[in-house]
Amino acid sequence: MFIVHDVPGRLRVKLEKLKNNPLRLDKVRQMLSIEGVHRVKANAMTGSIVIEYDKLSVQPHEFITILHD
C-alpha cells in the first residue's frame, strides 16, 4: 500500500491487493464506513481508493490502520 496524495479531507491510496478484486474492494468499502467518512470511491482496475472525510472528526492514520488489516 502507498499513499498517492493526502490533503486535509481527502486521501488517495493504492493497494495492489485490491487490483482486479471487486469482492475485497467491497469489504474495504464496508470497513471504511465509519463516522466522519463522507464518501469512498474505489477503482478495482487500478486498486485505487479515494476517501473523502471530515478532517475535524477523523485523521488519515485511522484509515491506514484499517487498510492494513
Protein backbone atom coordinates (compact mmCIF):
# COMPACT_ATOMS: atom_id res chain seq x y z
CA MET A 1 0.00 0.00 0.00
CA PHE A 2 1.15 3.51 -0.69
CA ILE A 3 -0.34 6.97 -0.31
CA VAL A 4 -0.79 8.74 -3.64
CA HIS A 5 -1.80 12.00 -2.02
CA ASP A 6 -3.06 13.30 1.29
CA VAL A 7 -4.74 16.67 1.63
CA PRO A 8 -6.97 17.58 4.57
CA GLY A 9 -10.34 15.94 3.94
CA ARG A 10 -9.18 13.72 1.07
CA LEU A 11 -6.86 10.73 0.94
CA ARG A 12 -5.95 8.57 -2.07
CA VAL A 13 -4.19 5.26 -1.60
CA LYS A 14 -3.26 2.39 -3.88
CA LEU A 15 -3.44 -1.17 -2.71
CA GLU A 16 -2.14 -3.83 -5.05
CA LYS A 17 -4.23 -6.50 -3.27
CA LEU A 18 -7.42 -4.72 -4.41
CA LYS A 19 -6.48 -4.67 -8.07
CA ASN A 20 -8.98 -6.76 -10.06
CA ASN A 21 -10.51 -7.99 -6.81
CA PRO A 22 -14.02 -6.47 -6.50
CA LEU A 23 -15.01 -8.68 -3.55
CA ARG A 24 -12.09 -7.48 -1.44
CA LEU A 25 -12.80 -3.92 -2.57
CA ASP A 26 -16.38 -4.17 -1.30
CA LYS A 27 -15.06 -5.43 2.05
CA VAL A 28 -12.71 -2.44 2.29
CA ARG A 29 -15.57 -0.06 1.50
CA GLN A 30 -17.56 -1.57 4.37
CA MET A 31 -14.60 -1.27 6.71
CA LEU A 32 -14.28 2.42 5.83
CA SER A 33 -17.94 3.09 6.64
CA ILE A 34 -17.14 4.94 9.83
CA GLU A 35 -18.36 8.20 11.30
CA GLY A 36 -16.72 11.16 9.60
CA VAL A 37 -16.31 9.50 6.20
CA HIS A 38 -18.38 11.26 3.56
CA ARG A 39 -17.55 9.12 0.54
CA VAL A 40 -15.33 6.26 -0.56
CA LYS A 41 -14.58 5.93 -4.26
CA ALA A 42 -12.77 2.81 -5.39
CA ASN A 43 -11.45 1.54 -8.68
CA ALA A 44 -10.98 -2.23 -8.90
CA MET A 45 -8.98 -1.98 -12.11
CA THR A 46 -6.27 0.20 -10.53
CA GLY A 47 -6.60 -0.72 -6.85
CA SER A 48 -7.06 2.95 -6.02
CA ILE A 49 -9.26 4.25 -3.19
CA VAL A 50 -10.22 7.87 -2.56
CA ILE A 51 -11.59 8.66 0.89
CA GLU A 52 -13.34 11.97 1.45
CA TYR A 53 -13.75 12.70 5.12
CA ASP A 54 -14.40 15.33 7.78
CA LYS A 55 -10.91 16.48 8.73
CA LEU A 56 -12.13 17.60 12.15
CA SER A 57 -13.53 14.23 13.22
CA VAL A 58 -11.16 11.67 11.71
CA GLN A 59 -7.46 11.54 10.87
CA PRO A 60 -5.79 9.83 7.88
CA HIS A 61 -3.75 7.48 10.10
CA GLU A 62 -7.05 5.86 11.14
CA PHE A 63 -7.66 4.83 7.52
CA ILE A 64 -4.15 3.48 7.18
CA THR A 65 -4.73 1.30 10.23
CA ILE A 66 -8.00 -0.02 8.77
CA LEU A 67 -6.45 -0.70 5.37
CA HIS A 68 -3.51 -2.61 6.83
CA ASP A 69 -5.90 -5.16 8.41
